[in-house]
Structures are given as structure tokens and as C-alpha cells.
C-alpha atoms as a PDB file:
ATOM      1  CA  UNK A   1     -31.348 -10.811  16.838  1.00  0.00           C
ATOM      2  CA  UNK A   2     -32.580 -10.836  13.232  1.00  0.00           C
ATOM      3  CA  UNK A   3     -32.334  -7.043  13.085  1.00  0.00           C
ATOM      4  CA  UNK A   4     -28.656  -7.280  14.099  1.00  0.00           C
ATOM      5  CA  UNK A   5     -27.924  -9.723  11.263  1.00  0.00           C
ATOM      6  CA  UNK A   6     -29.621  -7.442   8.735  1.00  0.00           C
ATOM      7  CA  UNK A   7     -27.589  -4.527  10.070  1.00  0.00           C
ATOM      8  CA  UNK A   8     -24.344  -6.510   9.670  1.00  0.00           C
ATOM      9  CA  UNK A   9     -25.215  -7.338   6.056  1.00  0.00           C
ATOM     10  CA  UNK A  10     -26.010  -3.664   5.472  1.00  0.00           C
ATOM     11  CA  UNK A  11     -22.645  -2.629   6.954  1.00  0.00           C
ATOM     12  CA  UNK A  12     -20.859  -5.140   4.744  1.00  0.00           C
ATOM     13  CA  UNK A  13     -22.400  -3.795   1.530  1.00  0.00           C
ATOM     14  CA  UNK A  14     -21.347  -0.259   2.456  1.00  0.00           C
ATOM     15  CA  UNK A  15     -17.832  -1.218   3.598  1.00  0.00           C
ATOM     16  CA  UNK A  16     -14.563  -0.283   1.939  1.00  0.00           C
ATOM     17  CA  UNK A  17     -13.679  -3.951   1.435  1.00  0.00           C
ATOM     18  CA  UNK A  18     -16.854  -4.526  -0.590  1.00  0.00           C
ATOM     19  CA  UNK A  19     -16.257  -1.406  -2.706  1.00  0.00           C
ATOM     20  CA  UNK A  20     -12.650  -2.443  -3.388  1.00  0.00           C
ATOM     21  CA  UNK A  21     -13.729  -5.967  -4.290  1.00  0.00           C
ATOM     22  CA  UNK A  22     -16.438  -4.703  -6.620  1.00  0.00           C
ATOM     23  CA  UNK A  23     -13.986  -2.353  -8.382  1.00  0.00           C
ATOM     24  CA  UNK A  24     -11.376  -5.095  -8.808  1.00  0.00           C
ATOM     25  CA  UNK A  25     -13.906  -7.669  -9.978  1.00  0.00           C
ATOM     26  CA  UNK A  26     -15.369  -5.290 -12.540  1.00  0.00           C
ATOM     27  CA  UNK A  27     -11.955  -4.284 -13.880  1.00  0.00           C
ATOM     28  CA  UNK A  28     -10.772  -7.894 -14.120  1.00  0.00           C
ATOM     29  CA  UNK A  29     -13.899  -9.466 -15.623  1.00  0.00           C
ATOM     30  CA  UNK A  30     -14.887  -6.726 -18.058  1.00  0.00           C
ATOM     31  CA  UNK A  31     -12.020  -7.220 -20.574  1.00  0.00           C
ATOM     32  CA  UNK A  32     -12.550 -10.997 -20.630  1.00  0.00           C
ATOM     33  CA  UNK A  33     -16.300 -10.612 -21.131  1.00  0.00           C
ATOM     34  CA  UNK A  34     -15.868  -8.043 -23.903  1.00  0.00           C
ATOM     35  CA  UNK A  35     -13.177 -10.187 -25.540  1.00  0.00           C
ATOM     36  CA  UNK A  36     -15.438 -13.224 -25.377  1.00  0.00           C
ATOM     37  CA  UNK A  37     -18.343 -11.278 -26.847  1.00  0.00           C
ATOM     38  CA  UNK A  38     -16.158 -10.050 -29.731  1.00  0.00           C
ATOM     39  CA  UNK A  39     -14.726 -13.526 -30.379  1.00  0.00           C
ATOM     40  CA  UNK A  40     -11.273 -12.794 -28.923  1.00  0.00           C
ATOM     41  CA  UNK A  41     -11.508 -14.542 -25.580  1.00  0.00           C
ATOM     42  CA  UNK A  42      -7.762 -15.224 -25.261  1.00  0.00           C
ATOM     43  CA  UNK A  43      -6.966 -11.555 -25.861  1.00  0.00           C
ATOM     44  CA  UNK A  44      -9.577 -10.475 -23.325  1.00  0.00           C
ATOM     45  CA  UNK A  45      -8.194 -12.948 -20.812  1.00  0.00           C
ATOM     46  CA  UNK A  46      -4.662 -11.603 -21.290  1.00  0.00           C
ATOM     47  CA  UNK A  47      -5.894  -8.038 -20.781  1.00  0.00           C
ATOM     48  CA  UNK A  48      -7.729  -9.221 -17.649  1.00  0.00           C
ATOM     49  CA  UNK A  49      -4.466 -10.716 -16.409  1.00  0.00           C
ATOM     50  CA  UNK A  50      -2.833  -7.294 -16.645  1.00  0.00           C
ATOM     51  CA  UNK A  51      -5.711  -5.722 -14.725  1.00  0.00           C
ATOM     52  CA  UNK A  52      -5.490  -8.429 -12.067  1.00  0.00           C
ATOM     53  CA  UNK A  53      -1.789  -7.992 -11.344  1.00  0.00           C
ATOM     54  CA  UNK A  54      -2.105  -4.208 -11.126  1.00  0.00           C
ATOM     55  CA  UNK A  55      -5.061  -4.570  -8.745  1.00  0.00           C
ATOM     56  CA  UNK A  56      -2.739  -6.305  -6.269  1.00  0.00           C
ATOM     57  CA  UNK A  57      -1.025  -2.968  -5.602  1.00  0.00           C
ATOM     58  CA  UNK A  58      -4.215  -0.930  -5.196  1.00  0.00           C
ATOM     59  CA  UNK A  59      -4.251  -0.842  -1.405  1.00  0.00           C
ATOM     60  CA  UNK A  60      -5.842   1.983   0.597  1.00  0.00           C
ATOM     61  CA  UNK A  61      -3.560   4.936   1.139  1.00  0.00           C
ATOM     62  CA  UNK A  62      -2.435   8.236  -0.349  1.00  0.00           C
ATOM     63  CA  UNK A  63      -3.248   8.691  -4.028  1.00  0.00           C
ATOM     64  CA  UNK A  64       0.401   9.373  -4.879  1.00  0.00           C
ATOM     65  CA  UNK A  65       1.453   6.005  -3.436  1.00  0.00           C
ATOM     66  CA  UNK A  66      -1.410   4.228  -5.216  1.00  0.00           C
ATOM     67  CA  UNK A  67      -0.460   5.806  -8.532  1.00  0.00           C
ATOM     68  CA  UNK A  68       3.240   5.014  -8.179  1.00  0.00           C
ATOM     69  CA  UNK A  69       2.588   1.438  -7.056  1.00  0.00           C
ATOM     70  CA  UNK A  70       0.279   0.741  -9.986  1.00  0.00           C
ATOM     71  CA  UNK A  71       2.683   2.329 -12.497  1.00  0.00           C
ATOM     72  CA  UNK A  72       5.600   0.252 -11.206  1.00  0.00           C
ATOM     73  CA  UNK A  73       3.471  -2.909 -11.274  1.00  0.00           C
ATOM     74  CA  UNK A  74       2.487  -2.193 -14.901  1.00  0.00           C
ATOM     75  CA  UNK A  75       6.106  -1.656 -15.914  1.00  0.00           C
ATOM     76  CA  UNK A  76       7.308  -4.819 -14.157  1.00  0.00           C
ATOM     77  CA  UNK A  77       4.456  -6.878 -15.600  1.00  0.00           C
ATOM     78  CA  UNK A  78       5.318  -5.694 -19.113  1.00  0.00           C
ATOM     79  CA  UNK A  79       9.061  -6.326 -18.688  1.00  0.00           C
ATOM     80  CA  UNK A  80       8.729  -9.751 -17.061  1.00  0.00           C
ATOM     81  CA  UNK A  81       6.132 -10.889 -19.579  1.00  0.00           C
ATOM     82  CA  UNK A  82       8.711 -10.194 -22.303  1.00  0.00           C
ATOM     83  CA  UNK A  83      11.676 -11.698 -20.437  1.00  0.00           C
ATOM     84  CA  UNK A  84       9.794 -14.840 -19.421  1.00  0.00           C
ATOM     85  CA  UNK A  85       8.382 -15.391 -22.908  1.00  0.00           C
ATOM     86  CA  UNK A  86      11.862 -15.091 -24.408  1.00  0.00           C
ATOM     87  CA  UNK A  87      13.678 -17.424 -21.988  1.00  0.00           C
ATOM     88  CA  UNK A  88      10.950 -20.019 -21.449  1.00  0.00           C
ATOM     89  CA  UNK A  89      12.313 -22.313 -24.158  1.00  0.00           C
ATOM     90  CA  UNK A  90      15.573 -22.785 -22.208  1.00  0.00           C
ATOM     91  CA  UNK A  91      15.135 -24.730 -18.946  1.00  0.00           C
ATOM     92  CA  UNK A  92      18.436 -23.429 -17.550  1.00  0.00           C
ATOM     93  CA  UNK A  93      17.614 -19.771 -18.214  1.00  0.00           C
ATOM     94  CA  UNK A  94      14.078 -20.301 -16.943  1.00  0.00           C
ATOM     95  CA  UNK A  95      15.418 -21.834 -13.736  1.00  0.00           C
ATOM     96  CA  UNK A  96      17.779 -18.904 -13.222  1.00  0.00           C
ATOM     97  CA  UNK A  97      14.957 -16.440 -13.834  1.00  0.00           C
ATOM     98  CA  UNK A  98      12.652 -18.226 -11.395  1.00  0.00           C
ATOM     99  CA  UNK A  99      15.334 -18.254  -8.715  1.00  0.00           C
ATOM    100  CA  UNK A 100      16.304 -14.600  -9.125  1.00  0.00           C
ATOM    101  CA  UNK A 101      12.816 -13.162  -9.591  1.00  0.00           C
ATOM    102  CA  UNK A 102      11.189 -15.026  -6.713  1.00  0.00           C
ATOM    103  CA  UNK A 103      14.054 -14.250  -4.332  1.00  0.00           C
ATOM    104  CA  UNK A 104      14.307 -10.567  -5.268  1.00  0.00           C
ATOM    105  CA  UNK A 105      10.589  -9.820  -5.227  1.00  0.00           C
ATOM    106  CA  UNK A 106       9.880 -11.805  -2.069  1.00  0.00           C
ATOM    107  CA  UNK A 107      12.208  -9.353  -0.311  1.00  0.00           C
ATOM    108  CA  UNK A 108       9.659  -6.605  -1.071  1.00  0.00           C
ATOM    109  CA  UNK A 109       7.620  -7.845   1.914  1.00  0.00           C
ATOM    110  CA  UNK A 110       9.919  -5.758   4.104  1.00  0.00           C
ATOM    111  CA  UNK A 111       8.611  -2.541   2.528  1.00  0.00           C
ATOM    112  CA  UNK A 112       4.914  -3.014   3.268  1.00  0.00           C
ATOM    113  CA  UNK A 113       1.656  -4.039   1.662  1.00  0.00           C
ATOM    114  CA  UNK A 114       1.929  -2.015  -1.536  1.00  0.00           C
ATOM    115  CA  UNK A 115       5.502  -3.136  -2.266  1.00  0.00           C
ATOM    116  CA  UNK A 116       4.467  -6.725  -1.559  1.00  0.00           C
ATOM    117  CA  UNK A 117       1.711  -6.321  -4.157  1.00  0.00           C
ATOM    118  CA  UNK A 118       4.246  -5.017  -6.685  1.00  0.00           C
ATOM    119  CA  UNK A 119       6.533  -7.997  -6.052  1.00  0.00           C
ATOM    120  CA  UNK A 120       3.650 -10.453  -6.227  1.00  0.00           C
ATOM    121  CA  UNK A 121       2.538  -8.900  -9.522  1.00  0.00           C
ATOM    122  CA  UNK A 122       5.961  -9.504 -11.085  1.00  0.00           C
ATOM    123  CA  UNK A 123       6.158 -13.088  -9.809  1.00  0.00           C
ATOM    124  CA  UNK A 124       2.581 -13.852 -10.878  1.00  0.00           C
ATOM    125  CA  UNK A 125       3.187 -12.565 -14.409  1.00  0.00           C
ATOM    126  CA  UNK A 126       6.349 -14.654 -14.612  1.00  0.00           C
ATOM    127  CA  UNK A 127       4.502 -17.794 -13.490  1.00  0.00           C
ATOM    128  CA  UNK A 128       1.537 -17.286 -15.809  1.00  0.00           C
ATOM    129  CA  UNK A 129       3.728 -16.436 -18.802  1.00  0.00           C
ATOM    130  CA  UNK A 130       5.935 -19.534 -18.378  1.00  0.00           C
ATOM    131  CA  UNK A 131       3.324 -21.783 -19.940  1.00  0.00           C
ATOM    132  CA  UNK A 132       2.094 -19.320 -22.557  1.00  0.00           C
ATOM    133  CA  UNK A 133       2.412 -21.009 -25.959  1.00  0.00           C
ATOM    134  CA  UNK A 134       2.888 -17.669 -27.773  1.00  0.00           C
ATOM    135  CA  UNK A 135       5.271 -17.634 -30.723  1.00  0.00           C
ATOM    136  CA  UNK A 136       8.339 -15.408 -30.585  1.00  0.00           C
ATOM    137  CA  UNK A 137       6.552 -12.986 -32.935  1.00  0.00           C
ATOM    138  CA  UNK A 138       3.723 -12.583 -30.421  1.00  0.00           C
ATOM    139  CA  UNK A 139       5.861 -11.825 -27.353  1.00  0.00           C
ATOM    140  CA  UNK A 140       5.538  -8.052 -27.610  1.00  0.00           C
ATOM    141  CA  UNK A 141       1.841  -8.272 -28.443  1.00  0.00           C
ATOM    142  CA  UNK A 142       1.213 -10.492 -25.407  1.00  0.00           C
ATOM    143  CA  UNK A 143       3.135  -8.073 -23.173  1.00  0.00           C
ATOM    144  CA  UNK A 144       1.256  -5.126 -24.709  1.00  0.00           C
ATOM    145  CA  UNK A 145      -2.081  -6.770 -23.856  1.00  0.00           C
ATOM    146  CA  UNK A 146      -0.922  -7.206 -20.259  1.00  0.00           C
ATOM    147  CA  UNK A 147       0.144  -3.557 -20.195  1.00  0.00           C
ATOM    148  CA  UNK A 148      -3.236  -2.530 -21.657  1.00  0.00           C
ATOM    149  CA  UNK A 149      -5.040  -4.409 -18.885  1.00  0.00           C
ATOM    150  CA  UNK A 150      -2.903  -2.733 -16.263  1.00  0.00           C
ATOM    151  CA  UNK A 151      -3.565   0.634 -17.845  1.00  0.00           C
ATOM    152  CA  UNK A 152      -7.308  -0.096 -17.894  1.00  0.00           C
ATOM    153  CA  UNK A 153      -7.289  -0.858 -14.163  1.00  0.00           C
ATOM    154  CA  UNK A 154      -5.102   2.185 -13.472  1.00  0.00           C
ATOM    155  CA  UNK A 155      -7.468   4.543 -15.305  1.00  0.00           C
ATOM    156  CA  UNK A 156     -10.567   2.993 -13.709  1.00  0.00           C
ATOM    157  CA  UNK A 157      -9.149   3.175 -10.193  1.00  0.00           C
ATOM    158  CA  UNK A 158      -7.930   6.757 -10.474  1.00  0.00           C
ATOM    159  CA  UNK A 159     -11.160   7.859 -12.189  1.00  0.00           C
ATOM    160  CA  UNK A 160     -13.251   6.469  -9.353  1.00  0.00           C
ATOM    161  CA  UNK A 161     -10.977   8.234  -6.886  1.00  0.00           C
ATOM    162  CA  UNK A 162     -11.378  11.554  -8.743  1.00  0.00           C
ATOM    163  CA  UNK A 163     -15.168  11.228  -8.728  1.00  0.00           C
ATOM    164  CA  UNK A 164     -15.364  10.715  -4.941  1.00  0.00           C
ATOM    165  CA  UNK A 165     -11.946  11.457  -3.415  1.00  0.00           C
ATOM    166  CA  UNK A 166     -13.048  11.301   0.225  1.00  0.00           C
ATOM    167  CA  UNK A 167     -15.223   8.202  -0.021  1.00  0.00           C
ATOM    168  CA  UNK A 168     -12.454   5.887   1.200  1.00  0.00           C
ATOM    169  CA  UNK A 169     -11.859   8.032   4.285  1.00  0.00           C
ATOM    170  CA  UNK A 170     -15.599   8.277   4.954  1.00  0.00           C
ATOM    171  CA  UNK A 171     -15.997   4.507   4.825  1.00  0.00           C
ATOM    172  CA  UNK A 172     -12.980   3.960   7.079  1.00  0.00           C
ATOM    173  CA  UNK A 173     -14.287   6.468   9.632  1.00  0.00           C
ATOM    174  CA  UNK A 174     -17.733   4.883   9.514  1.00  0.00           C
ATOM    175  CA  UNK A 175     -16.251   1.457  10.218  1.00  0.00           C
ATOM    176  CA  UNK A 176     -14.201   2.881  13.112  1.00  0.00           C
ATOM    177  CA  UNK A 177     -17.257   4.547  14.653  1.00  0.00           C
ATOM    178  CA  UNK A 178     -19.238   1.318  14.336  1.00  0.00           C
ATOM    179  CA  UNK A 179     -16.470  -0.700  16.009  1.00  0.00           C
ATOM    180  CA  UNK A 180     -16.166   1.827  18.858  1.00  0.00           C
ATOM    181  CA  UNK A 181     -19.944   1.641  19.333  1.00  0.00           C
ATOM    182  CA  UNK A 182     -19.742  -2.160  19.462  1.00  0.00           C
ATOM    183  CA  UNK A 183     -16.973  -1.928  22.049  1.00  0.00           C
ATOM    184  CA  UNK A 184     -18.962   0.425  24.267  1.00  0.00           C
END
């Protein structure tokens, strides 16, 4: 009984879900920790925000789809950070943006998990930028920090894939074999 529990914990630490969570956590926390250490916590947090929204699109699948999904999420995060920061002082324009953005990007659910992540990234950036007290001079800088965070996650994710390109498939096959063994 105890041996089975230890085996389950062992399987968890070698699973794809754990590896994905560790990669995302590292990419999201690292900019904030470095920013805090250097005395620029707000900047580090904004860069972490960019990494977080891009991580939403990093679902298992072909590398081409991962790359395209993350690039589109970075572009949308950058654009909607600028748009939201510019219209947030007008309640009417902000209301129109909220209505249009949430409706349009919630329709992405139809196209699957990766597209849903792209839509959620755009909506999340809009929501988190609505209350950003940045001055109009800082709008582009704020959006650039978000883009930098997305780029950081993008480079980290693709670098880890290049180091061990078949690791995801190996973990998935291992989990399938284990589940078949449990069934039998």
C-alpha cells in the first residue's frame, strides 16, 4: 500500500504536467524575482505578466502550432495593453472595448485549446491593464515590458524543446503505458 503511494508520487514528478508547471512557474517568477532584487519590482511584475499570458497558449502539440500560438499571444498582448491603456480614462470607450474584446475572444473556444489560450491572454491583458495607473507617456513602455515577458517565455519554451525535442512524447507514452497497466 505504502509502496503504491510512493510510486504515484514518483510518477507525478516525472509527468508532463509537472514539467509544464515547473517551466511556467520558473518563467513567470524569475522576472519578478530579478526585478525585486534589482529594485524594480513593478517592472519585473509587468514582465512576469507578459510571460504568464503567453504561457496560456503553450499547450502540448506540434512545435509549429506552439510557436504560432505564442507569437500571436505576444502580439495581441502588446496591442491590447496599448489600446486598453489609451482608452481606460473614458468609461464609454472602456465599456465598448470590454464588450467587443470579451465577445470576440470568447468565440475562440470553438477553435480548440491553443486558440482559447490566445483569446484568454488578450482578455487577461485587457483586464489587468484597465487599472494600471501608468501615465500616457508610459503606455508604450508598459506594453514593451509585457512583450519582453512574452518573448522571455517564448525563448525559454522553445529552447527547452530544442534541448530535448522528444521528451514530451516520451512522457506521454510513459503515462499511457502506466494507465494501460493499471487497467489490466
